[in-house]
Protein backbone atom coordinates (compact mmCIF):
# COMPACT_ATOMS: atom_id res chain seq x y z
CA MET A 1 -13.94 -18.55 29.05
CA THR A 2 -14.02 -21.72 30.89
CA ALA A 3 -11.40 -23.54 33.25
CA SER A 4 -11.23 -26.31 30.37
CA ARG A 5 -10.10 -23.91 27.90
CA GLU A 6 -6.93 -23.29 29.85
CA LYS A 7 -6.41 -27.14 30.19
CA GLU A 8 -6.88 -27.74 26.47
CA SER A 9 -4.55 -24.95 25.56
CA LEU A 10 -1.95 -26.23 28.12
CA ALA A 11 -2.26 -29.64 26.75
CA ARG A 12 -1.05 -28.30 23.39
CA VAL A 13 1.52 -26.00 24.66
CA LEU A 14 3.14 -29.17 26.32
CA VAL A 15 3.26 -30.89 23.16
CA HIS A 16 5.15 -27.92 21.61
CA GLU A 17 7.45 -27.75 24.54
CA GLY A 18 8.50 -31.49 24.70
CA GLY A 19 10.62 -32.72 27.48
CA TYR A 20 14.05 -31.96 29.02
CA VAL A 21 16.33 -29.84 26.89
CA ASN A 22 19.81 -27.86 27.45
CA HIS A 23 20.70 -26.52 24.03
CA LEU A 24 23.78 -24.30 24.10
CA ALA A 25 22.05 -21.72 21.72
CA ASP A 26 18.93 -21.79 23.76
CA PRO A 27 18.94 -18.58 26.06
CA GLY A 28 16.40 -20.35 28.30
CA GLY A 29 19.16 -22.76 29.41
CA PRO A 30 18.03 -26.13 31.16
CA THR A 31 14.39 -26.55 30.47
CA ASN A 32 11.83 -29.08 31.07
CA LYS A 33 8.26 -29.04 29.67
CA GLY A 34 8.70 -25.45 28.82
CA VAL A 35 9.91 -24.52 32.42
CA THR A 36 13.33 -23.07 32.77
CA GLN A 37 15.69 -23.87 35.68
CA ARG A 38 15.46 -20.27 36.77
CA VAL A 39 11.57 -20.34 36.84
CA TYR A 40 11.60 -23.60 38.67
CA ASP A 41 14.01 -22.23 41.22
CA ALA A 42 11.75 -19.15 41.80
CA TYR A 43 8.71 -21.43 42.13
CA ARG A 44 10.17 -23.69 44.70
CA GLU A 45 11.88 -20.86 46.71
CA GLY A 46 8.26 -19.21 46.73
CA SER A 47 6.88 -22.58 47.95
CA GLY A 48 9.55 -22.84 50.72
CA LEU A 49 11.25 -25.79 48.99
CA PRO A 50 14.94 -26.41 48.31
CA LYS A 51 16.23 -26.11 44.74
CA ARG A 52 16.62 -29.23 42.61
CA SER A 53 17.06 -29.88 38.86
CA VAL A 54 14.04 -28.87 36.69
CA LYS A 55 14.57 -32.48 35.27
CA ASN A 56 12.61 -33.64 38.24
CA ILE A 57 9.79 -31.25 38.00
CA THR A 58 6.40 -32.73 38.99
CA ASP A 59 3.19 -32.28 36.87
CA GLN A 60 1.75 -30.37 39.66
CA ALA A 61 4.48 -27.92 39.70
CA VAL A 62 4.16 -27.62 35.79
CA GLU A 63 0.52 -26.72 36.06
CA ASP A 64 0.95 -24.38 38.91
CA ILE A 65 3.68 -22.42 36.92
CA TYR A 66 1.65 -22.32 33.68
CA ASP A 67 -1.43 -21.23 35.56
CA ARG A 68 0.19 -18.30 37.55
CA GLN A 69 2.96 -17.15 35.46
CA TYR A 70 1.47 -17.43 31.90
CA TRP A 71 -2.36 -18.08 31.83
CA ASP A 72 -3.14 -15.56 34.51
CA ALA A 73 -0.41 -13.10 33.38
CA VAL A 74 -2.21 -12.90 30.02
CA LYS A 75 -5.40 -12.89 31.62
CA GLY A 76 -6.58 -15.96 29.58
CA ASP A 77 -10.03 -16.11 31.08
CA LEU A 78 -10.78 -12.70 29.64
CA LEU A 79 -9.64 -13.45 26.22
CA PRO A 80 -11.78 -14.85 23.30
CA ALA A 81 -11.80 -18.43 22.29
CA GLY A 82 -8.66 -19.04 20.26
CA VAL A 83 -7.14 -15.73 21.04
CA ASP A 84 -6.63 -17.00 24.60
CA TYR A 85 -4.59 -20.04 23.42
CA VAL A 86 -2.56 -18.18 20.83
CA VAL A 87 -1.57 -15.37 23.32
CA PHE A 88 -0.88 -18.18 26.03
CA ASP A 89 1.51 -20.12 23.83
CA GLY A 90 3.36 -16.87 22.95
CA ALA A 91 3.82 -16.06 26.62
CA VAL A 92 5.23 -19.29 27.30
CA ASN A 93 7.70 -19.09 24.36
CA SER A 94 8.64 -15.56 24.64
CA GLY A 95 7.30 -14.29 28.02
CA PRO A 96 3.97 -12.71 28.92
CA ARG A 97 4.87 -8.98 28.08
CA ARG A 98 6.18 -9.96 24.62
CA SER A 99 3.04 -11.93 23.65
CA ILE A 100 0.78 -9.17 24.91
CA MET A 101 2.71 -6.69 22.71
CA TRP A 102 2.07 -8.85 19.68
CA LEU A 103 -1.64 -8.78 20.55
CA GLN A 104 -1.53 -5.01 20.79
CA GLN A 105 0.35 -4.61 17.62
CA ALA A 106 -2.33 -6.97 15.76
CA LEU A 107 -5.12 -4.75 17.31
CA ARG A 108 -3.87 -1.64 15.37
CA PRO A 109 -5.54 0.63 14.48
CA ILE A 110 -8.39 -0.17 16.93
CA TYR A 111 -5.97 -0.01 19.62
CA THR A 112 -4.40 3.38 19.92
CA GLY A 113 -2.33 2.90 23.20
CA PRO A 114 1.34 2.17 23.56
CA ILE A 115 2.78 -1.10 22.74
CA ASP A 116 3.77 -1.76 26.30
CA GLY A 117 2.86 -5.36 27.07
CA ASP A 118 0.34 -4.30 29.56
CA LEU A 119 -3.07 -5.91 28.94
CA GLY A 120 -5.29 -3.22 30.62
CA VAL A 121 -8.56 -1.60 29.85
CA GLY A 122 -7.45 -0.09 26.64
CA THR A 123 -6.31 -3.46 25.23
CA LEU A 124 -9.35 -5.16 26.46
CA ALA A 125 -11.58 -2.52 25.05
CA ALA A 126 -9.89 -2.75 21.54
CA LEU A 127 -10.29 -6.65 21.76
CA LYS A 128 -14.05 -6.42 22.24
CA ALA A 129 -14.28 -4.09 19.33
CA VAL A 130 -12.80 -6.68 16.97
CA ASN A 131 -15.40 -8.75 14.88
CA ASN A 132 -13.19 -11.20 13.32
CA ASN A 133 -10.96 -13.14 15.78
CA ASP A 134 -9.93 -15.40 13.04
CA ALA A 135 -8.26 -12.52 11.11
CA LEU A 136 -6.93 -11.17 14.41
CA ILE A 137 -5.33 -14.45 15.03
CA ASP A 138 -3.57 -14.32 11.67
CA ARG A 139 -2.11 -10.83 12.52
CA ILE A 140 -0.88 -11.91 15.94
CA CYS A 141 0.81 -14.92 14.37
CA ASP A 142 2.29 -12.76 11.55
CA THR A 143 3.67 -10.36 14.14
CA ARG A 144 5.07 -13.11 16.17
CA LEU A 145 6.75 -14.72 13.39
CA ASN A 146 8.14 -11.35 12.14
CA PHE A 147 9.56 -10.80 15.61
CA LEU A 148 11.22 -14.37 15.51
CA LYS A 149 12.80 -13.76 12.17
CA HIS A 150 14.62 -10.66 13.81
CA LEU A 151 16.39 -12.78 16.45
CA SER A 152 19.97 -13.79 16.18
CA THR A 153 18.82 -17.36 17.13
CA TRP A 154 16.61 -17.63 14.08
CA ARG A 155 19.05 -19.42 12.02
CA THR A 156 19.30 -22.21 14.54
CA PHE A 157 15.71 -22.47 15.73
CA GLY A 158 13.85 -20.73 12.98
CA LYS A 159 12.33 -23.95 11.41
CA GLY A 160 11.01 -25.22 14.70
CA TRP A 161 9.47 -21.80 15.51
CA ALA A 162 7.69 -21.65 12.17
CA SER A 163 6.51 -24.89 12.68
CA ARG A 164 5.06 -24.16 16.08
CA VAL A 165 3.64 -20.73 14.95
CA LYS A 166 1.85 -22.67 12.08
CA ASP A 167 0.27 -25.17 14.48
CA VAL A 168 -0.70 -22.33 16.80
CA ARG A 169 -2.27 -20.33 13.96
CA ALA A 170 -4.31 -23.47 12.93
CA ILE A 171 -5.43 -24.44 16.44
CA GLY A 172 -6.37 -20.93 17.47
CA GLN A 173 -8.47 -20.09 14.32
CA ALA A 174 -10.27 -23.41 14.82
CA TRP A 175 -11.25 -22.48 18.28
CA ALA A 176 -12.30 -19.10 17.15
CA THR A 177 -14.41 -20.31 14.37
CA GLY A 178 -16.00 -22.90 16.50
CA GLN A 179 -14.28 -25.93 14.95
CA THR A 180 -12.48 -28.90 16.34
CA PRO A 181 -8.81 -27.96 16.33
CA ILE A 182 -5.89 -30.21 15.09
CA ALA A 183 -3.53 -32.02 17.45
CA ALA A 184 -0.56 -30.03 18.04
CA SER A 185 2.87 -31.47 16.91
CA PHE A 186 6.36 -31.21 18.17
CA THR A 187 9.25 -29.88 16.06
CA ASP A 188 12.62 -29.87 17.39
CA GLY A 189 13.83 -26.25 18.03
CA GLY A 190 10.29 -24.84 18.44
CA GLN A 191 10.61 -25.21 22.28
CA ALA A 192 13.64 -22.84 22.42
CA LYS A 193 12.98 -19.71 24.17
CA ALA A 194 12.58 -16.76 21.84
CA LEU A 195 13.64 -13.66 23.83
CA VAL A 196 14.07 -10.03 22.78
CA GLU A 197 17.46 -10.05 24.49
CA ASN A 198 18.47 -12.10 21.38
CA ALA A 199 17.42 -9.61 18.81
CA LYS A 200 19.56 -8.73 16.03
CA PRO A 201 21.43 -5.60 16.44
CA ALA A 202 20.35 -2.51 14.53
CA PRO A 203 22.84 -1.86 11.63
CA SER A 204 25.52 0.95 12.28
CA THR A 205 25.27 4.13 10.23
CA ALA A 206 29.03 4.79 10.94
CA PRO A 207 30.15 3.65 7.54
CA ALA A 208 27.57 5.82 5.92
CA ASP A 209 28.69 8.82 8.06
CA THR A 210 32.24 8.30 7.25
CA ALA A 211 31.82 8.03 3.66
CA ILE A 212 29.59 11.08 3.46
CA GLY A 213 32.15 13.07 5.59
CA ALA A 214 35.02 11.84 3.52
CA GLY A 215 33.16 12.71 0.27
CA GLY A 216 32.19 16.16 1.51
CA GLY A 217 35.95 16.70 2.37
CA GLY A 218 36.97 15.64 -0.98
CA LEU A 219 34.57 18.14 -2.69
CA GLY A 220 36.06 20.91 -0.38
CA ILE A 221 39.58 20.06 -1.61
CA THR A 222 38.24 19.96 -5.16
CA ALA A 223 37.01 23.63 -4.82
CA THR A 224 40.37 24.51 -3.44
CA LEU A 225 42.30 22.97 -6.34
CA SER A 226 40.05 24.57 -8.83
CA GLY A 227 40.92 27.75 -7.29
CA LEU A 228 44.50 27.04 -7.56
CA GLN A 229 44.01 25.93 -11.20
CA GLU A 230 42.85 29.42 -12.02
CA GLN A 231 46.00 31.01 -10.50
CA LEU A 232 48.27 28.56 -12.38
CA SER A 233 46.44 28.86 -15.66
CA PRO A 234 49.42 30.40 -17.50
CA LEU A 235 51.41 27.53 -16.67
CA SER A 236 49.49 25.12 -19.10
CA TYR A 237 51.20 21.95 -17.90
CA ALA A 238 50.51 22.41 -14.19
CA SER A 239 47.01 23.50 -15.12
CA GLU A 240 46.18 20.28 -17.07
CA TRP A 241 47.78 18.18 -14.27
CA ILE A 242 45.56 19.81 -11.67
CA THR A 243 42.56 19.49 -13.90
CA LYS A 244 42.94 15.65 -13.88
CA ILE A 245 43.25 15.61 -10.17
CA VAL A 246 40.27 17.74 -9.82
CA VAL A 247 37.99 15.57 -11.93
CA ILE A 248 39.19 12.33 -10.39
CA LEU A 249 38.60 13.76 -6.99
CA ALA A 250 35.27 15.19 -7.62
CA LEU A 251 34.19 11.63 -9.08
CA VAL A 252 35.44 9.68 -6.02
CA SER A 253 34.02 12.41 -3.61
CA ALA A 254 30.54 12.31 -5.33
CA LEU A 255 30.46 8.64 -5.25
CA LEU A 256 31.37 8.57 -1.61
CA VAL A 257 28.49 11.01 -0.98
CA ILE A 258 26.04 9.09 -3.02
CA GLY A 259 27.16 5.67 -1.70
CA GLY A 260 27.16 6.72 1.92
CA GLY A 261 23.73 8.45 1.53
CA ALA A 262 22.50 5.03 0.01
CA TRP A 263 23.83 3.04 2.84
CA ARG A 264 22.43 5.55 5.39
CA TRP A 265 18.98 5.01 3.84
CA TYR A 266 19.41 1.37 3.77
CA THR A 267 20.57 1.17 7.53
CA ASN A 268 17.69 3.44 8.62
CA ARG A 269 15.25 1.21 6.79
CA LYS A 270 16.57 -1.82 8.34
CA ALA A 271 16.50 -0.05 11.93
CA LYS A 272 12.86 0.80 11.26
CA ARG A 273 12.00 -2.69 10.44
CA LEU A 274 13.62 -4.10 13.39
CA ALA A 275 12.00 -1.55 15.65
CA GLU A 276 8.61 -2.48 14.23
CA ALA A 277 9.41 -6.16 14.75
CA LEU A 278 10.25 -5.65 18.49
CA GLY A 279 7.31 -3.20 18.86
CA THR A 280 9.42 -0.34 20.00
CA VAL A 281 7.65 2.13 17.53
CA PRO A 282 3.97 2.35 16.49
CA VAL A 283 2.91 0.07 13.64
C-alpha cells in the first residue's frame, strides 16, 4: 500500500460526502465534508484550539481527521488494493468498527473469529488467505447494503446510500483487478451517517405469547366444559348448548395457538435477520 492510495481514496470519499449539511434525520448532525461537528470539536480540542463551526473546517483539518480517525483506524496501509478504499469509505459513513465488522462478515468462513470490529491478527490472516479480492469486495458491499436496509433511516436516505455503495463497489473492484476506477459521483442522502444506533428494533414476541397463552387457556376451559357436558348428558338441552360452546371455544383457541405460533416463528426469523445484518450473530 502506498500513500497515494490513501489520497486517491480520500478524493473519492469526499465526492460522496459533499459539502455542509445539517439534515434533521441525519444522526451525524451538522456535517461538512463528512466530518461531524462532534468529531471536529474533538479534533480542535486535541490540537489546543477553541471550538468553531464545522462549516469553517480547513482542508488540512479534513486530511488530518480522515488520516488519523478513519484510514489509520482501519489499517488502510495493510489492506489490499480496492479493499482498502471500500473499508475506508464504510468507516467514514458508519464508523471504523462497523466497517471492519462488514469485512469480517465477508471473510466468513475463512475468518472464524468474532465479529467484533477489531482488525487484528486473525482478520489480517484471513484476508491474506483470500485469492479473489474482487469477489470479497462484492461480499463486503452486499453486507454493508444489508446493514443499511435494516436502519430506521433507510426510508429517508436509502436511495443515496444505495447509489454510494454502487459507486464504492465499482471503484473498489476496479482497483482490485488493476483497472482504472470510475469517477465517484454524489447522490444527495448518501452522505448521511449510517449508524447502528438507528437500527430498526427487533419485532416483539409479546403478541404471539399472549395469543398462545390465551389459546392454551381456552383449550383448558374446553376440557372443563367437556367434563361438565358428560355430567349434564341427561339434560339434552343443556348438553347440546354446551356442545356448541365447546366447539366454538376449541376452534378459537386452536386458531390462537396456531396464529401465535406462526407469529412467533415470523418474529424470530425477523430478529435473526436483523442480528445477522448488525453482525451480532455468526453468519
